[in-house]
N, C-alpha and C. Protein backbone atom coordinates (compact mmCIF):
# COMPACT_ATOMS: atom_id res chain seq x y z
N MET A 1 -17.76 16.43 -8.89
CA MET A 1 -18.40 15.16 -8.70
C MET A 1 -18.10 13.85 -8.92
N ILE A 2 -17.56 13.10 -8.93
CA ILE A 2 -17.71 11.82 -9.82
C ILE A 2 -18.82 10.78 -9.13
N SER A 3 -19.75 10.12 -10.49
CA SER A 3 -21.01 9.95 -10.32
C SER A 3 -20.23 8.30 -10.89
N SER A 4 -19.91 7.53 -11.03
CA SER A 4 -19.84 6.63 -11.73
C SER A 4 -18.41 5.97 -11.69
N ARG A 5 -18.49 4.28 -12.04
CA ARG A 5 -17.35 3.84 -11.31
C ARG A 5 -16.49 4.47 -12.50
N ILE A 6 -16.78 4.36 -14.09
CA ILE A 6 -15.95 4.19 -14.93
C ILE A 6 -14.74 6.61 -14.54
N GLU A 7 -15.91 6.65 -14.34
CA GLU A 7 -15.54 8.23 -14.11
C GLU A 7 -14.69 8.31 -12.85
N TYR A 8 -14.97 7.12 -11.89
CA TYR A 8 -13.46 7.36 -10.59
C TYR A 8 -13.03 6.38 -11.24
N ILE A 9 -12.30 5.22 -12.03
CA ILE A 9 -11.59 4.94 -13.16
C ILE A 9 -10.88 5.81 -13.90
N ASP A 10 -11.43 6.14 -14.80
CA ASP A 10 -10.36 7.15 -15.01
C ASP A 10 -10.01 8.70 -14.60
N HIS A 11 -10.41 8.92 -13.54
CA HIS A 11 -10.33 10.01 -12.69
C HIS A 11 -8.44 9.24 -11.93
N TRP A 12 -8.74 8.47 -11.82
CA TRP A 12 -7.53 7.15 -10.90
C TRP A 12 -6.65 7.00 -12.23
N GLY A 13 -6.92 6.78 -12.74
CA GLY A 13 -5.88 6.60 -14.13
C GLY A 13 -5.15 8.35 -14.24
N ALA A 14 -5.81 9.37 -14.54
CA ALA A 14 -5.28 10.64 -15.02
C ALA A 14 -4.33 11.06 -13.58
N ASN A 15 -4.94 11.10 -11.79
CA ASN A 15 -3.87 11.17 -11.26
C ASN A 15 -3.08 10.55 -11.00
N HIS A 16 -3.14 8.94 -11.54
CA HIS A 16 -1.41 8.34 -11.38
C HIS A 16 -0.69 8.45 -12.13
N LEU A 17 -1.44 9.05 -13.86
CA LEU A 17 -0.49 9.08 -14.76
C LEU A 17 -0.33 7.46 -15.42
N VAL A 18 -1.52 7.20 -15.46
CA VAL A 18 -1.20 5.70 -15.83
C VAL A 18 -2.47 5.28 -16.94
N SER A 19 -2.52 4.70 -17.44
CA SER A 19 -3.79 3.68 -18.14
C SER A 19 -3.97 2.21 -17.07
N PRO A 20 -4.71 2.23 -16.17
CA PRO A 20 -5.36 1.48 -15.56
C PRO A 20 -5.19 -0.12 -16.43
N SER A 21 -4.66 -0.92 -15.75
CA SER A 21 -4.39 -2.57 -16.69
C SER A 21 -6.26 -3.09 -16.02
N LEU A 22 -6.60 -4.42 -16.83
CA LEU A 22 -7.44 -5.07 -16.46
C LEU A 22 -7.46 -5.07 -15.02
N PRO A 23 -6.32 -6.10 -14.59
CA PRO A 23 -6.83 -6.38 -13.09
C PRO A 23 -7.10 -5.13 -11.70
N VAL A 24 -6.35 -3.60 -12.38
CA VAL A 24 -6.44 -2.46 -11.55
C VAL A 24 -7.39 -2.59 -11.82
N ARG A 25 -8.83 -2.48 -12.48
CA ARG A 25 -10.00 -1.81 -13.34
C ARG A 25 -10.93 -2.79 -12.49
N ALA A 26 -10.63 -4.23 -12.09
CA ALA A 26 -10.86 -4.54 -11.18
C ALA A 26 -11.17 -4.53 -9.85
N PHE A 27 -9.46 -3.53 -8.96
CA PHE A 27 -10.16 -3.96 -8.21
C PHE A 27 -10.26 -2.24 -8.08
N LEU A 28 -10.40 -1.74 -8.65
CA LEU A 28 -11.33 -0.25 -8.70
C LEU A 28 -12.40 -0.59 -8.30
N THR A 29 -12.65 -1.10 -9.38
CA THR A 29 -14.87 -1.67 -8.96
C THR A 29 -14.86 -1.30 -8.02
N VAL A 30 -14.01 -2.58 -7.32
CA VAL A 30 -14.42 -3.63 -6.02
C VAL A 30 -14.26 -2.21 -4.73
N ILE A 31 -13.62 -1.40 -4.94
CA ILE A 31 -13.09 -0.34 -3.71
C ILE A 31 -14.02 0.74 -4.26
N TYR A 32 -14.55 1.25 -5.53
CA TYR A 32 -15.41 2.42 -5.80
C TYR A 32 -16.97 1.58 -5.37
N LEU A 33 -17.26 0.12 -5.36
CA LEU A 33 -18.65 -0.10 -4.54
C LEU A 33 -18.76 -0.46 -3.54
N LEU A 34 -17.81 -0.58 -2.96
CA LEU A 34 -17.28 -0.81 -1.11
C LEU A 34 -17.30 0.55 -0.74
N ALA A 35 -16.53 1.93 -1.02
CA ALA A 35 -16.76 3.74 -0.55
C ALA A 35 -18.18 3.83 -0.99
N LYS A 36 -19.08 3.52 -1.71
CA LYS A 36 -20.36 3.78 -1.48
C LYS A 36 -21.15 4.06 -0.45
N PRO A 37 -21.12 2.91 0.55
CA PRO A 37 -22.11 3.01 1.39
C PRO A 37 -21.64 4.30 2.30
N PHE A 38 -19.84 4.24 2.17
CA PHE A 38 -19.03 5.67 3.09
C PHE A 38 -19.87 6.80 2.74
N VAL A 39 -19.54 6.88 2.02
CA VAL A 39 -19.74 7.94 0.94
C VAL A 39 -21.49 8.41 1.66
N LYS A 40 -22.32 7.47 0.75
CA LYS A 40 -23.64 7.79 1.59
C LYS A 40 -24.36 7.96 2.65
N LEU A 41 -23.40 8.03 3.55
CA LEU A 41 -23.54 8.23 5.44
C LEU A 41 -22.12 9.18 5.58
N LYS A 42 -22.04 10.74 4.86
CA LYS A 42 -20.80 11.47 4.58
C LYS A 42 -19.60 11.35 5.30
N ILE A 43 -19.02 10.49 5.27
CA ILE A 43 -17.96 10.20 6.26
C ILE A 43 -16.65 10.84 5.73
N HIS A 44 -15.92 11.04 6.58
CA HIS A 44 -14.83 11.72 6.04
C HIS A 44 -13.83 11.08 6.11
N PRO A 45 -13.19 10.97 4.57
CA PRO A 45 -12.25 9.98 3.85
C PRO A 45 -10.71 10.45 5.23
N ASN A 46 -10.25 11.57 5.96
CA ASN A 46 -9.96 11.28 6.37
C ASN A 46 -9.65 10.73 7.81
N LEU A 47 -10.85 10.31 7.77
CA LEU A 47 -11.45 9.27 9.07
C LEU A 47 -11.24 8.22 8.73
N ILE A 48 -11.53 7.91 7.80
CA ILE A 48 -10.96 6.47 7.26
C ILE A 48 -9.93 5.71 7.20
N THR A 49 -8.96 7.00 7.14
CA THR A 49 -7.35 6.85 7.08
C THR A 49 -7.43 6.24 7.94
N LEU A 50 -7.81 7.32 9.31
CA LEU A 50 -7.16 6.76 10.50
C LEU A 50 -7.46 5.58 11.01
N LEU A 51 -8.95 5.49 10.64
CA LEU A 51 -8.95 3.23 10.79
C LEU A 51 -9.03 2.73 10.67
N GLY A 52 -8.35 3.21 9.34
CA GLY A 52 -7.49 1.51 8.89
C GLY A 52 -6.34 1.77 9.11
N GLY A 53 -5.52 2.86 9.28
CA GLY A 53 -4.11 2.87 10.29
C GLY A 53 -4.39 2.12 11.79
N LEU A 54 -5.99 2.69 12.65
CA LEU A 54 -5.66 2.25 14.19
C LEU A 54 -5.92 0.79 13.52
N LEU A 55 -6.78 -0.17 12.61
CA LEU A 55 -6.46 -1.73 12.50
C LEU A 55 -5.53 -1.91 11.95
N ALA A 56 -4.70 -1.57 11.28
CA ALA A 56 -3.32 -2.23 10.90
C ALA A 56 -2.25 -2.36 11.82
N ILE A 57 -2.38 -1.73 12.36
CA ILE A 57 -1.55 -1.60 13.98
C ILE A 57 -2.38 -2.82 14.81
N LEU A 58 -3.75 -2.88 15.60
CA LEU A 58 -4.53 -3.91 16.35
C LEU A 58 -3.77 -5.00 15.54
N ALA A 59 -4.20 -4.96 13.79
CA ALA A 59 -3.56 -6.86 13.31
C ALA A 59 -1.58 -6.79 13.79
N SER A 60 -0.74 -6.49 13.55
CA SER A 60 0.13 -5.94 14.00
C SER A 60 0.16 -6.34 15.78
N LEU A 61 -1.00 -6.10 16.34
CA LEU A 61 -0.68 -6.61 18.06
C LEU A 61 -1.09 -7.67 18.34
N LEU A 62 -2.34 -8.08 17.44
CA LEU A 62 -2.37 -9.54 17.50
C LEU A 62 -1.51 -10.86 17.08
N PHE A 63 -0.95 -10.31 15.86
CA PHE A 63 0.52 -10.78 15.62
C PHE A 63 0.77 -11.60 16.60
N ILE A 64 1.76 -9.86 17.48
CA ILE A 64 2.45 -10.56 17.99
C ILE A 64 2.17 -11.25 19.50
N ASN A 65 0.81 -11.33 19.46
CA ASN A 65 -0.23 -12.10 20.37
C ASN A 65 -0.11 -13.31 20.18
N GLN A 66 0.07 -14.02 18.42
CA GLN A 66 -0.22 -15.31 17.72
C GLN A 66 -1.16 -15.68 18.28
N VAL A 67 -2.30 -14.54 17.82
CA VAL A 67 -3.68 -14.25 17.37
C VAL A 67 -3.40 -14.64 15.41
N TRP A 68 -2.61 -15.36 15.35
CA TRP A 68 -2.76 -15.43 13.85
C TRP A 68 -3.83 -14.96 12.98
N VAL A 69 -4.74 -15.79 12.71
CA VAL A 69 -5.70 -15.45 11.61
C VAL A 69 -6.47 -14.67 11.48
N PHE A 70 -7.28 -13.93 12.75
CA PHE A 70 -7.74 -12.45 12.97
C PHE A 70 -6.33 -11.27 12.86
N ALA A 71 -5.79 -12.20 13.07
CA ALA A 71 -4.12 -10.90 12.70
C ALA A 71 -4.48 -10.74 10.64
N GLY A 72 -4.18 -11.46 10.58
CA GLY A 72 -3.91 -11.90 8.68
C GLY A 72 -5.66 -11.41 8.18
N LEU A 73 -6.52 -11.32 8.91
CA LEU A 73 -7.58 -10.92 8.10
C LEU A 73 -8.13 -9.64 8.07
N LEU A 74 -7.35 -9.05 9.82
CA LEU A 74 -7.89 -7.50 9.67
C LEU A 74 -7.20 -6.50 8.88
N ALA A 75 -5.18 -7.55 8.89
CA ALA A 75 -4.50 -6.60 8.11
C ALA A 75 -5.17 -6.12 6.21
N GLY A 76 -5.82 -7.75 6.21
CA GLY A 76 -5.92 -6.81 4.76
C GLY A 76 -7.60 -6.23 4.89
N PHE A 77 -8.52 -6.48 6.14
CA PHE A 77 -9.09 -5.40 5.86
C PHE A 77 -8.89 -4.01 6.00
N SER A 78 -8.15 -3.84 7.00
CA SER A 78 -7.59 -2.96 6.37
C SER A 78 -6.62 -1.90 5.38
N THR A 79 -6.36 -2.89 4.66
CA THR A 79 -5.92 -2.55 3.13
C THR A 79 -6.93 -2.05 2.38
N PHE A 80 -8.40 -2.63 2.46
CA PHE A 80 -9.53 -2.38 1.83
C PHE A 80 -9.67 -0.82 2.24
N LEU A 81 -9.59 -0.73 3.68
CA LEU A 81 -10.24 0.86 4.44
C LEU A 81 -8.89 1.92 3.48
N ASP A 82 -7.46 1.18 3.07
CA ASP A 82 -6.88 2.60 2.20
C ASP A 82 -6.57 2.63 1.35
N GLY A 83 -7.59 1.48 0.27
CA GLY A 83 -8.50 1.93 -1.31
C GLY A 83 -9.34 2.69 -0.69
N ILE A 84 -10.26 2.09 0.11
CA ILE A 84 -12.03 3.24 0.68
C ILE A 84 -11.57 4.59 0.44
N ASP A 85 -10.86 5.29 0.95
CA ASP A 85 -10.39 6.21 1.60
C ASP A 85 -10.35 6.91 0.70
N GLY A 86 -9.02 6.95 -0.57
CA GLY A 86 -9.11 7.68 -1.45
C GLY A 86 -10.44 8.08 -2.22
N ALA A 87 -11.36 7.16 -2.61
CA ALA A 87 -12.48 6.77 -3.98
C ALA A 87 -13.06 7.34 -2.90
N VAL A 88 -12.94 7.57 -1.46
CA VAL A 88 -14.40 8.54 -1.16
C VAL A 88 -14.66 10.15 -1.00
N ALA A 89 -13.08 10.02 -1.12
CA ALA A 89 -12.33 11.49 -1.14
C ALA A 89 -12.70 12.26 -2.51
N THR A 90 -12.02 10.93 -4.00
CA THR A 90 -12.64 11.81 -4.77
C THR A 90 -13.87 11.64 -5.07
N ILE A 91 -14.60 10.58 -5.16
CA ILE A 91 -16.47 11.25 -5.40
C ILE A 91 -16.88 12.04 -4.94
N GLN A 92 -16.44 11.94 -3.07
CA GLN A 92 -16.83 13.56 -2.76
C GLN A 92 -15.60 14.59 -3.01
N ASN A 93 -14.98 14.32 -4.06
CA ASN A 93 -13.82 15.43 -4.31
C ASN A 93 -13.32 16.84 -2.96
N LYS A 94 -13.02 15.36 -2.29
CA LYS A 94 -12.48 16.53 -0.85
C LYS A 94 -11.00 15.67 -0.78
N ARG A 95 -10.36 15.52 -2.25
CA ARG A 95 -8.71 15.48 -2.01
C ARG A 95 -7.92 16.35 -1.33
N SER A 96 -7.31 16.40 -0.99
CA SER A 96 -6.61 17.42 -0.13
C SER A 96 -5.30 16.83 -0.28
N LYS A 97 -4.42 17.99 -0.19
CA LYS A 97 -2.67 17.67 0.21
C LYS A 97 -2.41 16.94 1.43
N PHE A 98 -3.07 17.93 2.45
CA PHE A 98 -3.28 17.14 3.99
C PHE A 98 -3.74 16.01 4.18
N GLY A 99 -4.55 15.73 3.23
CA GLY A 99 -5.37 13.85 3.22
C GLY A 99 -4.24 13.62 2.79
N ALA A 100 -3.10 13.66 1.52
CA ALA A 100 -2.29 13.34 0.61
C ALA A 100 -1.26 12.44 1.71
N VAL A 101 -1.14 13.80 2.55
CA VAL A 101 -0.01 13.33 3.35
C VAL A 101 -0.40 12.78 4.76
N LEU A 102 -1.55 12.84 5.27
CA LEU A 102 -1.77 11.68 5.93
C LEU A 102 -1.59 10.39 5.56
N ASP A 103 -2.32 9.41 4.73
CA ASP A 103 -2.25 8.97 4.19
C ASP A 103 -1.23 8.22 4.19
N ALA A 104 -0.10 8.52 3.70
CA ALA A 104 0.97 8.25 3.39
C ALA A 104 2.06 7.92 4.90
N VAL A 105 1.59 8.63 5.76
CA VAL A 105 2.53 8.58 7.49
C VAL A 105 1.10 7.61 7.62
N VAL A 106 0.02 7.29 7.75
CA VAL A 106 -0.27 6.27 8.38
C VAL A 106 -0.17 4.94 7.36
N ASP A 107 -0.03 4.64 6.00
CA ASP A 107 0.72 3.50 5.41
C ASP A 107 1.67 3.37 6.38
N ARG A 108 2.97 4.12 5.79
CA ARG A 108 4.36 3.95 6.28
C ARG A 108 4.31 3.67 8.00
N ILE A 109 3.61 3.90 8.64
CA ILE A 109 2.87 3.94 10.49
C ILE A 109 2.99 2.02 10.47
N ALA A 110 1.94 2.13 9.73
CA ALA A 110 1.21 0.68 9.54
C ALA A 110 2.11 -0.61 9.06
N GLU A 111 3.00 0.03 7.71
CA GLU A 111 3.52 -1.20 7.78
C GLU A 111 4.75 -1.57 8.17
N THR A 112 5.84 -0.40 9.14
CA THR A 112 6.50 -0.55 9.94
C THR A 112 6.28 -1.13 10.96
N SER A 113 4.52 -1.07 11.64
CA SER A 113 4.43 -1.96 12.85
C SER A 113 4.36 -3.32 12.82
N TRP A 114 3.72 -3.43 11.51
CA TRP A 114 3.85 -5.18 10.95
C TRP A 114 5.07 -5.55 10.44
N PHE A 115 6.47 -4.97 10.51
CA PHE A 115 7.68 -5.44 10.45
C PHE A 115 8.44 -5.74 12.16
N LEU A 116 8.11 -5.29 12.51
CA LEU A 116 8.19 -5.05 13.98
C LEU A 116 7.50 -6.77 14.49
N ALA A 117 6.00 -6.74 14.27
CA ALA A 117 5.50 -8.11 14.60
C ALA A 117 6.10 -8.67 13.66
N LEU A 118 6.80 -8.71 12.37
CA LEU A 118 8.08 -9.88 12.32
C LEU A 118 8.91 -10.51 13.08
N LEU A 119 9.63 -9.46 13.49
CA LEU A 119 11.08 -9.01 14.36
C LEU A 119 10.62 -9.69 15.64
N SER A 120 8.96 -9.36 15.99
CA SER A 120 9.15 -10.62 17.75
C SER A 120 8.49 -11.43 16.99
N ALA A 121 8.94 -12.31 16.67
CA ALA A 121 8.47 -13.18 15.65
C ALA A 121 9.74 -14.41 15.68
N GLY A 122 10.87 -13.21 15.40
CA GLY A 122 11.74 -13.63 15.38
C GLY A 122 13.06 -13.42 13.87
N ALA A 123 12.05 -13.21 12.81
CA ALA A 123 12.65 -12.15 11.92
C ALA A 123 14.15 -11.62 11.83
N ASN A 124 14.70 -12.37 10.82
CA ASN A 124 16.16 -11.36 10.62
C ASN A 124 16.08 -10.12 10.70
N ILE A 125 16.65 -8.79 11.53
CA ILE A 125 16.37 -7.92 12.02
C ILE A 125 17.12 -6.99 10.21
N TYR A 126 17.98 -7.82 10.07
CA TYR A 126 18.58 -7.21 8.70
C TYR A 126 17.62 -7.46 7.46
N PHE A 127 17.52 -8.25 7.26
CA PHE A 127 15.85 -8.91 6.06
C PHE A 127 14.99 -8.10 6.71
N VAL A 128 14.45 -7.54 7.71
CA VAL A 128 13.29 -6.67 8.12
C VAL A 128 13.80 -5.15 7.28
N LEU A 129 14.58 -4.56 8.23
CA LEU A 129 16.00 -2.69 8.06
C LEU A 129 15.92 -2.99 6.20
N ALA A 130 16.34 -3.70 5.69
CA ALA A 130 16.51 -3.72 4.00
C ALA A 130 14.86 -3.52 2.80
N ALA A 131 13.86 -4.47 4.22
CA ALA A 131 12.53 -4.10 3.25
C ALA A 131 11.96 -3.34 3.89
N VAL A 132 11.93 -2.32 4.87
CA VAL A 132 12.06 -1.31 4.96
C VAL A 132 12.25 0.32 4.61
N PHE A 133 13.67 -0.27 4.35
CA PHE A 133 14.19 1.13 3.51
C PHE A 133 14.06 0.82 1.89
N SER A 134 14.14 -0.23 2.04
CA SER A 134 13.38 -0.59 -0.18
C SER A 134 12.02 0.11 -0.04
N ILE A 135 10.78 -0.05 0.65
CA ILE A 135 9.34 0.14 0.62
C ILE A 135 9.51 1.91 0.53
N PHE A 136 10.51 2.11 1.85
CA PHE A 136 10.38 3.69 1.61
C PHE A 136 10.77 4.14 0.38
N CYS A 137 12.04 3.98 -0.19
CA CYS A 137 12.94 4.64 -0.96
C CYS A 137 11.48 4.48 -2.41
N LEU A 138 11.55 3.27 -2.64
CA LEU A 138 10.07 2.29 -3.79
C LEU A 138 9.11 3.41 -3.98
N GLU A 139 8.22 3.96 -2.68
CA GLU A 139 7.31 5.27 -2.25
C GLU A 139 7.97 6.65 -3.40
N TYR A 140 8.98 7.02 -2.11
CA TYR A 140 10.16 8.70 -2.16
C TYR A 140 10.40 8.53 -4.11
N PHE A 141 10.29 7.58 -4.29
CA PHE A 141 10.97 7.55 -5.77
C PHE A 141 9.52 8.08 -6.65
N ARG A 142 8.54 7.30 -6.27
CA ARG A 142 6.84 7.30 -6.89
C ARG A 142 6.45 9.12 -6.83
N THR A 143 6.85 9.00 -6.15
CA THR A 143 5.72 9.88 -5.41
C THR A 143 6.57 11.91 -6.04
N LYS A 144 8.07 11.27 -5.87
CA LYS A 144 8.71 12.81 -6.41
C LYS A 144 8.38 12.30 -7.89
N GLY A 145 8.70 11.86 -8.66
CA GLY A 145 8.78 11.16 -9.79
C GLY A 145 7.30 12.20 -10.44
N GLN A 146 5.67 11.78 -9.85
CA GLN A 146 4.87 11.96 -10.11
C GLN A 146 5.02 13.63 -10.06
N SER A 147 5.59 13.82 -8.78
CA SER A 147 5.22 15.64 -8.56
C SER A 147 6.30 16.12 -9.40
N LEU A 148 7.00 15.75 -10.27
CA LEU A 148 7.78 16.21 -11.12
C LEU A 148 6.84 16.72 -12.64
N GLY A 149 5.71 15.58 -12.80
CA GLY A 149 5.40 14.75 -13.22
C GLY A 149 5.89 14.26 -14.81
N VAL A 150 6.53 13.31 -14.49
CA VAL A 150 6.97 12.50 -14.79
C VAL A 150 6.28 11.15 -14.98
N THR A 151 5.16 10.82 -16.41
CA THR A 151 4.68 9.83 -16.21
C THR A 151 4.91 8.70 -16.68
N SER A 152 6.06 8.38 -16.75
CA SER A 152 6.30 6.81 -16.53
C SER A 152 7.36 6.06 -15.52
N VAL A 153 6.65 6.39 -13.82
CA VAL A 153 7.68 5.81 -12.67
C VAL A 153 6.45 5.25 -12.64
N GLY A 154 5.60 5.15 -13.43
CA GLY A 154 4.34 3.81 -12.75
C GLY A 154 3.80 3.82 -11.34
N ALA A 155 2.49 3.31 -11.58
CA ALA A 155 1.68 3.36 -10.69
C ALA A 155 1.58 2.02 -9.36
N VAL A 156 1.69 1.47 -10.93
CA VAL A 156 1.57 -0.24 -10.39
C VAL A 156 2.88 -0.67 -10.81
N THR A 157 3.46 -1.46 -9.02
CA THR A 157 4.75 -2.09 -9.53
C THR A 157 3.84 -3.85 -8.76
N VAL A 158 4.93 -5.10 -8.25
CA VAL A 158 4.94 -6.30 -7.89
C VAL A 158 5.04 -5.96 -6.77
N ALA A 159 5.30 -4.65 -5.98
CA ALA A 159 5.83 -4.52 -4.60
C ALA A 159 4.52 -3.16 -4.07
N GLU A 160 3.21 -3.78 -4.84
CA GLU A 160 2.56 -2.34 -4.72
C GLU A 160 2.27 -2.58 -2.97
N ARG A 161 1.35 -1.53 -2.02
CA ARG A 161 0.80 -2.00 -0.54
C ARG A 161 0.21 -3.40 -0.25
N PRO A 162 -1.00 -3.26 -1.71
CA PRO A 162 -1.13 -4.86 -1.35
C PRO A 162 -1.08 -5.62 -1.30
N THR A 163 -0.25 -5.95 -2.93
CA THR A 163 1.37 -7.19 -2.52
C THR A 163 1.48 -7.26 -1.08
N ARG A 164 1.97 -6.35 -0.26
CA ARG A 164 2.97 -6.49 0.66
C ARG A 164 1.45 -6.94 2.13
N VAL A 165 0.24 -5.84 2.15
CA VAL A 165 -0.68 -6.80 2.85
C VAL A 165 -1.05 -8.52 2.53
N ILE A 166 -1.23 -9.00 1.10
CA ILE A 166 -1.27 -10.38 1.43
C ILE A 166 -0.31 -10.95 1.83
N MET A 167 1.29 -10.69 1.45
CA MET A 167 1.72 -11.50 1.82
C MET A 167 2.33 -11.66 3.55
N PHE A 168 1.97 -10.01 4.18
CA PHE A 168 1.60 -10.01 5.72
C PHE A 168 1.22 -11.10 6.34
N SER A 169 -0.04 -11.52 5.39
CA SER A 169 -1.08 -11.62 5.44
C SER A 169 -1.62 -13.76 5.34
N MET A 170 -0.75 -14.00 4.41
CA MET A 170 -0.11 -15.23 4.52
C MET A 170 0.83 -15.65 5.48
N LEU A 171 1.62 -14.39 5.64
CA LEU A 171 2.32 -15.26 7.10
C LEU A 171 1.60 -15.23 8.03
N SER A 172 0.54 -14.69 8.35
CA SER A 172 -0.15 -15.13 9.86
C SER A 172 -0.72 -15.95 9.67
N PHE A 173 -1.30 -16.07 8.80
CA PHE A 173 -1.96 -17.37 8.14
C PHE A 173 -1.17 -18.75 8.13
N ALA A 174 0.28 -18.81 7.94
CA ALA A 174 1.32 -19.81 7.83
C ALA A 174 1.47 -20.22 9.54
N MET A 175 1.71 -19.57 10.21
CA MET A 175 2.34 -19.12 11.28
C MET A 175 1.23 -20.35 12.56
N PRO A 176 0.43 -20.49 12.48
CA PRO A 176 0.33 -21.39 13.67
C PRO A 176 0.05 -22.95 12.46
N LEU A 177 0.94 -23.11 11.19
CA LEU A 177 0.86 -24.39 10.73
C LEU A 177 2.06 -25.06 10.60
N GLN A 178 3.45 -24.51 11.81
CA GLN A 178 4.49 -24.89 11.62
C GLN A 178 5.46 -24.24 12.81
N SER A 179 6.37 -24.31 12.87
CA SER A 179 7.04 -23.92 14.43
C SER A 179 8.58 -23.61 13.77
N GLU A 180 8.17 -23.26 12.51
CA GLU A 180 9.95 -22.33 12.67
C GLU A 180 9.80 -21.04 12.27
N TRP A 181 9.10 -20.18 13.17
CA TRP A 181 8.77 -19.16 13.14
C TRP A 181 10.34 -18.06 12.94
N GLU A 182 11.23 -17.97 12.84
CA GLU A 182 12.23 -17.53 12.61
C GLU A 182 12.34 -17.63 11.01
N LEU A 183 12.57 -19.08 10.94
CA LEU A 183 12.89 -19.04 9.21
C LEU A 183 11.52 -18.13 8.40
N ILE A 184 10.35 -18.63 8.55
CA ILE A 184 9.27 -18.04 8.19
C ILE A 184 9.30 -16.91 7.72
N THR A 185 9.16 -15.73 9.02
CA THR A 185 9.44 -14.54 8.51
C THR A 185 10.45 -13.60 8.24
N SER A 186 11.47 -14.76 8.71
CA SER A 186 13.00 -14.26 7.41
C SER A 186 12.49 -14.04 6.22
N MET A 187 12.11 -15.08 5.79
CA MET A 187 11.95 -15.65 4.41
C MET A 187 11.04 -14.64 3.98
N GLY A 188 9.92 -14.32 4.84
CA GLY A 188 8.65 -13.21 3.75
C GLY A 188 9.14 -11.93 3.87
N ALA A 189 10.25 -11.37 5.21
CA ALA A 189 11.06 -10.18 5.10
C ALA A 189 11.95 -10.01 4.02
N LEU A 190 12.71 -10.97 3.42
CA LEU A 190 13.59 -10.98 2.27
C LEU A 190 12.84 -10.93 1.40
N ILE A 191 11.62 -11.70 1.02
CA ILE A 191 11.38 -11.84 -0.02
C ILE A 191 10.44 -10.46 -0.64
N MET A 192 9.91 -9.45 0.24
CA MET A 192 9.11 -7.86 0.50
C MET A 192 10.51 -7.84 0.20
N ALA A 193 11.68 -7.12 0.80
CA ALA A 193 12.69 -6.72 0.91
C ALA A 193 13.08 -6.95 -0.84
N LEU A 194 13.40 -7.35 -1.56
CA LEU A 194 13.87 -8.13 -2.64
C LEU A 194 12.97 -7.16 -3.81
N LEU A 195 10.99 -7.86 -3.42
CA LEU A 195 10.50 -6.83 -4.72
C LEU A 195 10.00 -5.41 -4.68
N ALA A 196 10.47 -4.93 -3.04
CA ALA A 196 10.37 -3.15 -3.24
C ALA A 196 11.89 -2.61 -4.28
N ALA A 197 12.53 -3.62 -3.41
CA ALA A 197 13.95 -3.25 -3.74
C ALA A 197 14.35 -2.99 -5.60
N GLY A 198 13.81 -4.86 -6.07
CA GLY A 198 13.81 -3.92 -7.67
C GLY A 198 12.85 -3.48 -7.98
N SER A 199 11.68 -3.30 -7.41
CA SER A 199 10.28 -1.60 -7.77
C SER A 199 11.33 -0.66 -8.06
N ALA A 200 11.59 -0.68 -6.85
CA ALA A 200 12.22 0.83 -6.43
C ALA A 200 13.02 1.66 -7.41
N VAL A 201 14.48 0.27 -8.25
CA VAL A 201 14.83 0.54 -9.30
C VAL A 201 14.59 0.80 -10.27
N LEU A 202 13.21 0.43 -10.60
CA LEU A 202 12.61 0.18 -11.72
C LEU A 202 12.63 1.51 -11.88
N VAL A 203 11.57 1.88 -10.67
CA VAL A 203 10.48 3.53 -10.62
C VAL A 203 11.96 4.37 -10.97
N LEU A 204 13.13 4.41 -10.02
CA LEU A 204 14.32 5.49 -10.42
C LEU A 204 14.23 5.35 -12.10
N LEU A 205 14.92 3.98 -12.24
CA LEU A 205 15.86 4.09 -14.04
C LEU A 205 14.40 4.66 -14.78
N ARG A 206 13.26 4.74 -14.98
CA ARG A 206 12.41 5.09 -15.70
C ARG A 206 11.97 6.86 -15.40
N PHE A 207 12.29 7.04 -14.38
CA PHE A 207 12.52 8.36 -13.59
C PHE A 207 13.66 9.10 -14.75
N THR A 208 14.51 8.54 -13.97
CA THR A 208 16.01 9.30 -14.36
C THR A 208 15.58 9.18 -16.29
N ASN A 209 15.35 7.99 -16.54
CA ASN A 209 15.20 8.02 -18.00
C ASN A 209 14.32 9.49 -18.84
N GLN A 210 13.33 9.42 -18.08
CA GLN A 210 12.39 10.34 -18.82
C GLN A 210 12.95 11.99 -18.64
N ILE A 211 14.22 12.07 -17.68
CA ILE A 211 13.95 13.24 -17.37
C ILE A 211 15.17 13.81 -18.21
N ARG A 212 15.26 12.42 -18.45
CA ARG A 212 17.52 12.39 -19.20
C ARG A 212 16.47 13.06 -20.70
N ASN A 213 15.26 12.13 -21.27
CA ASN A 213 14.88 12.57 -22.55
C ASN A 213 14.65 13.74 -23.27
N ASN A 214 13.42 14.00 -21.84
CA ASN A 214 12.90 15.58 -21.65
C ASN A 214 14.54 16.54 -21.41
N SER A 215 15.09 16.61 -21.28
CA SER A 215 16.44 17.46 -21.19
C SER A 215 16.97 17.30 -22.16
N SER A 216 17.20 16.65 -22.69
CA SER A 216 18.00 16.34 -24.19
C SER A 216 16.74 16.94 -25.75
N ARG A 217 15.78 17.64 -25.28
CA ARG A 217 14.97 17.72 -26.74
C ARG A 217 15.04 19.38 -26.87
């Protein structure tokens, strides 16, 4: 049972095979504090995961219906829930393989719904497909590497889910300020595709390099 913020941060670092940087420690501190009420209420972490996914999809529907500001706010709130579920599972000692799979599946469904929302506003379909493919590759490479005990793949890149959510929220807030919807959504999808692709390549290189180094010893 995790009983303090420091224990939680240390556990997160050990679980992700990294030493959390100062910004990550700050983010984890916020998540830990937000998770405490859920722990006291004894809410199951899988329920929080599903709630976060539903809110993310609702954000997409609001975006499609041009309720831009609320879409951005709801997407941001759903991301906090995405972090809180893991914190609650850790604090309550309820981490499980099912919970990890559920979290990953819900995340991918939520993000796919966001890109469908961008398509509805006129985003270039090729940019959107490239972004979705790159994100899936990034998450797969990292998960595969960590499952094999590769410590250098990294748990934090410039294309993490919080970064992607921030970009979606920024697009949502920017939409009512101009009329070039196709341009802004296409550029947003392209930037996300480039960030995710670059991060995926970096993770893959770290993965293969450590495997090669280990095999040569």
